[in-house]
Amino acid sequence: MLGYGAASRAVVLLNRAGIGPDLLPAVADAAVAKHGRRIPGVRIPVVTPDQVLADRPDLVLLFVPDLIDEVRRVMPSVEAHGGRWVVLDPIPRVLEVVA
C-alpha cells in the first residue's frame, strides 16, 4: 500500500493513528515542492506520482477523496495493473474498479 495526497489532513491522521513508514512506505503527491520531504511526525517520505506507477501497489490510500476522479483520470494504470483506490469518507473504503 502507498498513499496519495500529502495534504495537511494526512499529517494529522497519520500522526493520530501512529502510522509510520513501516505500515505506509510512502505518500505520493503531484506538488513538486513536496518531493523528497517527509510527513511531519511520522517521517513517511513524500514521493512523485511516478513512484506509485513504478511500485504497482495493491492499494493506494487517497487522503483527499475529492480528487478521486482526477487521480483515476491521470493514473489509470493503478487499476489497470490490479490496484485499487481506498478513500477515507469517514472510514476506509476500497473503491470498485471503474470500467
N, C-alpha and C. Protein backbone atom coordinates (compact mmCIF):
# COMPACT_ATOMS: atom_id res chain seq x y z
N MET A 1 0.84 -1.17 0.00
CA MET A 1 0.00 0.00 0.00
C MET A 1 0.88 1.23 0.00
N LEU A 2 0.46 2.22 -0.79
CA LEU A 2 1.07 3.54 -0.78
C LEU A 2 -0.04 4.56 -0.57
N GLY A 3 0.33 5.77 -0.21
CA GLY A 3 -0.63 6.84 -0.05
C GLY A 3 -0.54 7.81 -1.20
N TYR A 4 -1.58 8.62 -1.35
CA TYR A 4 -1.56 9.68 -2.36
C TYR A 4 -2.21 10.92 -1.76
N GLY A 5 -1.51 12.04 -1.87
CA GLY A 5 -2.04 13.32 -1.37
C GLY A 5 -1.47 13.68 -0.01
N ALA A 6 -0.31 14.34 0.01
CA ALA A 6 0.35 14.72 1.26
C ALA A 6 -0.24 16.02 1.80
N ALA A 7 -1.54 16.02 1.98
CA ALA A 7 -2.25 17.21 2.47
C ALA A 7 -2.15 17.29 3.98
N SER A 8 -2.49 18.45 4.53
CA SER A 8 -2.40 18.64 5.98
C SER A 8 -3.29 17.64 6.73
N ARG A 9 -4.41 17.26 6.15
CA ARG A 9 -5.27 16.27 6.83
C ARG A 9 -4.58 14.92 6.93
N ALA A 10 -3.71 14.59 5.97
CA ALA A 10 -2.95 13.34 6.04
C ALA A 10 -1.98 13.37 7.21
N VAL A 11 -1.36 14.53 7.42
CA VAL A 11 -0.40 14.68 8.52
C VAL A 11 -1.09 14.39 9.86
N VAL A 12 -2.23 15.00 10.08
CA VAL A 12 -2.96 14.82 11.34
C VAL A 12 -3.40 13.38 11.50
N LEU A 13 -3.99 12.82 10.48
CA LEU A 13 -4.49 11.44 10.54
C LEU A 13 -3.37 10.44 10.81
N LEU A 14 -2.29 10.54 10.08
CA LEU A 14 -1.18 9.59 10.25
C LEU A 14 -0.54 9.71 11.63
N ASN A 15 -0.37 10.93 12.10
CA ASN A 15 0.19 11.13 13.43
C ASN A 15 -0.74 10.60 14.51
N ARG A 16 -2.02 10.90 14.41
CA ARG A 16 -3.00 10.44 15.41
C ARG A 16 -3.07 8.93 15.46
N ALA A 17 -2.99 8.28 14.28
CA ALA A 17 -3.07 6.82 14.20
C ALA A 17 -1.73 6.15 14.47
N GLY A 18 -0.66 6.92 14.52
CA GLY A 18 0.66 6.34 14.76
C GLY A 18 1.16 5.50 13.59
N ILE A 19 0.75 5.88 12.39
CA ILE A 19 1.17 5.14 11.19
C ILE A 19 2.43 5.76 10.64
N GLY A 20 3.46 4.93 10.54
CA GLY A 20 4.73 5.39 10.02
C GLY A 20 5.13 4.63 8.78
N PRO A 21 6.38 4.77 8.36
CA PRO A 21 6.84 4.14 7.13
C PRO A 21 6.85 2.61 7.19
N ASP A 22 6.76 2.04 8.38
CA ASP A 22 6.68 0.58 8.48
C ASP A 22 5.35 0.07 7.94
N LEU A 23 4.28 0.87 8.06
CA LEU A 23 2.96 0.49 7.55
C LEU A 23 2.63 1.15 6.22
N LEU A 24 3.10 2.36 6.02
CA LEU A 24 2.85 3.10 4.78
C LEU A 24 4.20 3.64 4.30
N PRO A 25 4.84 2.93 3.37
CA PRO A 25 6.21 3.27 2.99
C PRO A 25 6.39 4.63 2.32
N ALA A 26 5.33 5.15 1.69
CA ALA A 26 5.47 6.45 1.01
C ALA A 26 4.09 7.02 0.72
N VAL A 27 4.05 8.35 0.56
CA VAL A 27 2.86 9.07 0.12
C VAL A 27 3.28 9.88 -1.10
N ALA A 28 2.59 9.67 -2.20
CA ALA A 28 2.89 10.41 -3.43
C ALA A 28 2.09 11.71 -3.44
N ASP A 29 2.64 12.69 -4.14
CA ASP A 29 1.94 13.97 -4.28
C ASP A 29 2.39 14.61 -5.57
N ALA A 30 1.47 15.28 -6.26
CA ALA A 30 1.81 15.93 -7.52
C ALA A 30 2.61 17.21 -7.33
N ALA A 31 2.59 17.78 -6.12
CA ALA A 31 3.31 19.04 -5.86
C ALA A 31 4.81 18.79 -5.79
N VAL A 32 5.52 19.32 -6.76
CA VAL A 32 6.97 19.12 -6.85
C VAL A 32 7.69 19.58 -5.59
N ALA A 33 7.21 20.64 -4.96
CA ALA A 33 7.86 21.18 -3.76
C ALA A 33 7.84 20.20 -2.59
N LYS A 34 6.95 19.22 -2.62
CA LYS A 34 6.86 18.25 -1.52
C LYS A 34 7.76 17.03 -1.74
N HIS A 35 8.20 16.80 -2.97
CA HIS A 35 9.01 15.62 -3.27
C HIS A 35 10.32 15.64 -2.49
N GLY A 36 10.66 14.50 -1.92
CA GLY A 36 11.88 14.40 -1.14
C GLY A 36 11.72 14.81 0.31
N ARG A 37 10.58 15.33 0.66
CA ARG A 37 10.31 15.70 2.06
C ARG A 37 9.70 14.50 2.78
N ARG A 38 9.37 14.68 4.04
CA ARG A 38 8.74 13.62 4.84
C ARG A 38 7.51 14.19 5.54
N ILE A 39 6.54 13.32 5.80
CA ILE A 39 5.35 13.73 6.55
C ILE A 39 5.80 14.05 7.98
N PRO A 40 5.54 15.26 8.47
CA PRO A 40 5.98 15.63 9.82
C PRO A 40 5.45 14.67 10.89
N GLY A 41 6.34 14.35 11.82
CA GLY A 41 5.96 13.50 12.95
C GLY A 41 6.15 12.02 12.70
N VAL A 42 5.72 11.54 11.54
CA VAL A 42 5.80 10.10 11.26
C VAL A 42 6.89 9.76 10.25
N ARG A 43 7.45 10.79 9.61
CA ARG A 43 8.62 10.64 8.73
C ARG A 43 8.39 9.75 7.50
N ILE A 44 7.15 9.67 7.03
CA ILE A 44 6.86 8.93 5.80
C ILE A 44 7.34 9.79 4.62
N PRO A 45 8.15 9.22 3.72
CA PRO A 45 8.64 10.01 2.59
C PRO A 45 7.53 10.40 1.62
N VAL A 46 7.67 11.60 1.05
CA VAL A 46 6.76 12.07 0.01
C VAL A 46 7.48 11.88 -1.32
N VAL A 47 6.84 11.13 -2.22
CA VAL A 47 7.46 10.77 -3.49
C VAL A 47 6.63 11.30 -4.66
N THR A 48 7.14 11.13 -5.85
CA THR A 48 6.42 11.55 -7.05
C THR A 48 5.32 10.54 -7.39
N PRO A 49 4.32 10.96 -8.13
CA PRO A 49 3.30 10.01 -8.58
C PRO A 49 3.89 8.87 -9.42
N ASP A 50 5.00 9.13 -10.09
CA ASP A 50 5.65 8.07 -10.87
C ASP A 50 6.05 6.88 -10.00
N GLN A 51 6.34 7.14 -8.73
CA GLN A 51 6.72 6.06 -7.83
C GLN A 51 5.55 5.10 -7.62
N VAL A 52 4.34 5.63 -7.55
CA VAL A 52 3.15 4.78 -7.43
C VAL A 52 3.04 3.88 -8.65
N LEU A 53 3.24 4.47 -9.81
CA LEU A 53 3.14 3.70 -11.05
C LEU A 53 4.23 2.63 -11.12
N ALA A 54 5.43 2.96 -10.66
CA ALA A 54 6.55 2.01 -10.70
C ALA A 54 6.36 0.87 -9.70
N ASP A 55 5.84 1.18 -8.52
CA ASP A 55 5.70 0.17 -7.46
C ASP A 55 4.49 -0.75 -7.66
N ARG A 56 3.50 -0.29 -8.41
CA ARG A 56 2.28 -1.07 -8.66
C ARG A 56 1.67 -1.64 -7.37
N PRO A 57 1.34 -0.77 -6.42
CA PRO A 57 0.79 -1.27 -5.15
C PRO A 57 -0.61 -1.87 -5.35
N ASP A 58 -0.97 -2.79 -4.47
CA ASP A 58 -2.32 -3.37 -4.49
C ASP A 58 -3.35 -2.34 -4.10
N LEU A 59 -2.98 -1.45 -3.17
CA LEU A 59 -3.90 -0.42 -2.67
C LEU A 59 -3.19 0.93 -2.64
N VAL A 60 -3.95 1.98 -3.00
CA VAL A 60 -3.45 3.35 -2.89
C VAL A 60 -4.45 4.12 -2.04
N LEU A 61 -4.02 4.54 -0.87
CA LEU A 61 -4.87 5.27 0.06
C LEU A 61 -4.88 6.75 -0.31
N LEU A 62 -6.03 7.23 -0.75
CA LEU A 62 -6.18 8.62 -1.18
C LEU A 62 -6.64 9.46 0.00
N PHE A 63 -5.78 10.39 0.43
CA PHE A 63 -6.08 11.22 1.60
C PHE A 63 -7.01 12.39 1.29
N VAL A 64 -7.22 12.68 0.02
CA VAL A 64 -8.12 13.76 -0.38
C VAL A 64 -9.17 13.14 -1.31
N PRO A 65 -10.25 12.60 -0.75
CA PRO A 65 -11.24 11.89 -1.56
C PRO A 65 -11.83 12.72 -2.70
N ASP A 66 -11.84 14.04 -2.56
CA ASP A 66 -12.37 14.90 -3.62
C ASP A 66 -11.58 14.77 -4.92
N LEU A 67 -10.37 14.23 -4.84
CA LEU A 67 -9.52 14.11 -6.03
C LEU A 67 -9.69 12.79 -6.77
N ILE A 68 -10.59 11.93 -6.34
CA ILE A 68 -10.66 10.59 -6.92
C ILE A 68 -10.85 10.61 -8.43
N ASP A 69 -11.73 11.43 -8.94
CA ASP A 69 -11.95 11.46 -10.39
C ASP A 69 -10.68 11.90 -11.13
N GLU A 70 -10.00 12.90 -10.57
CA GLU A 70 -8.77 13.40 -11.20
C GLU A 70 -7.66 12.35 -11.19
N VAL A 71 -7.42 11.71 -10.04
CA VAL A 71 -6.32 10.74 -9.99
C VAL A 71 -6.62 9.51 -10.83
N ARG A 72 -7.86 9.11 -10.88
CA ARG A 72 -8.22 7.99 -11.76
C ARG A 72 -7.96 8.34 -13.23
N ARG A 73 -8.24 9.56 -13.61
CA ARG A 73 -8.04 10.00 -14.99
C ARG A 73 -6.54 10.10 -15.31
N VAL A 74 -5.76 10.61 -14.36
CA VAL A 74 -4.32 10.82 -14.58
C VAL A 74 -3.51 9.54 -14.38
N MET A 75 -4.00 8.64 -13.53
CA MET A 75 -3.25 7.42 -13.21
C MET A 75 -4.09 6.16 -13.45
N PRO A 76 -4.57 5.95 -14.67
CA PRO A 76 -5.41 4.78 -14.92
C PRO A 76 -4.66 3.46 -14.74
N SER A 77 -3.34 3.49 -14.80
CA SER A 77 -2.58 2.25 -14.67
C SER A 77 -2.66 1.65 -13.28
N VAL A 78 -3.05 2.44 -12.26
CA VAL A 78 -3.22 1.86 -10.91
C VAL A 78 -4.22 0.72 -10.99
N GLU A 79 -5.39 1.00 -11.55
CA GLU A 79 -6.43 -0.02 -11.65
C GLU A 79 -6.14 -1.00 -12.78
N ALA A 80 -5.51 -0.54 -13.85
CA ALA A 80 -5.18 -1.43 -14.98
C ALA A 80 -4.24 -2.55 -14.55
N HIS A 81 -3.40 -2.28 -13.55
CA HIS A 81 -2.46 -3.28 -13.06
C HIS A 81 -2.99 -4.04 -11.85
N GLY A 82 -4.29 -3.90 -11.59
CA GLY A 82 -4.91 -4.66 -10.50
C GLY A 82 -4.97 -3.93 -9.17
N GLY A 83 -4.49 -2.70 -9.11
CA GLY A 83 -4.54 -1.93 -7.87
C GLY A 83 -5.92 -1.35 -7.63
N ARG A 84 -6.16 -0.96 -6.40
CA ARG A 84 -7.45 -0.36 -6.04
C ARG A 84 -7.20 0.91 -5.26
N TRP A 85 -8.09 1.86 -5.41
CA TRP A 85 -8.06 3.11 -4.64
C TRP A 85 -8.85 2.91 -3.36
N VAL A 86 -8.34 3.47 -2.27
CA VAL A 86 -9.01 3.46 -0.98
C VAL A 86 -9.22 4.91 -0.57
N VAL A 87 -10.46 5.25 -0.19
CA VAL A 87 -10.74 6.60 0.27
C VAL A 87 -11.20 6.56 1.72
N LEU A 88 -11.02 7.67 2.40
CA LEU A 88 -11.44 7.81 3.79
C LEU A 88 -12.63 8.74 3.81
N ASP A 89 -13.81 8.18 4.03
CA ASP A 89 -15.00 9.05 3.97
C ASP A 89 -16.14 8.59 4.87
N PRO A 90 -16.11 8.60 6.13
CA PRO A 90 -15.01 8.89 7.04
C PRO A 90 -14.18 7.66 7.39
N ILE A 91 -14.63 6.47 7.00
CA ILE A 91 -13.85 5.26 7.27
C ILE A 91 -13.25 4.77 5.96
N PRO A 92 -12.19 3.96 6.02
CA PRO A 92 -11.58 3.47 4.77
C PRO A 92 -12.59 2.65 3.96
N ARG A 93 -12.61 2.93 2.65
CA ARG A 93 -13.49 2.21 1.74
C ARG A 93 -12.73 1.95 0.45
N VAL A 94 -12.63 0.67 0.07
CA VAL A 94 -11.98 0.30 -1.18
C VAL A 94 -12.98 0.52 -2.30
N LEU A 95 -12.58 1.27 -3.32
CA LEU A 95 -13.48 1.60 -4.42
C LEU A 95 -13.49 0.48 -5.46
N GLU A 96 -14.63 0.30 -6.06
CA GLU A 96 -14.74 -0.65 -7.17
C GLU A 96 -13.99 -0.09 -8.37
N VAL A 97 -13.48 -0.96 -9.19
CA VAL A 97 -12.78 -0.55 -10.40
C VAL A 97 -13.78 0.06 -11.38
N VAL A 98 -13.40 1.18 -11.97
CA VAL A 98 -14.25 1.84 -12.96
C VAL A 98 -14.02 1.16 -14.30
N ALA A 99 -15.10 0.79 -14.93
CA ALA A 99 -14.97 0.11 -16.24
C ALA A 99 -14.74 1.08 -17.36
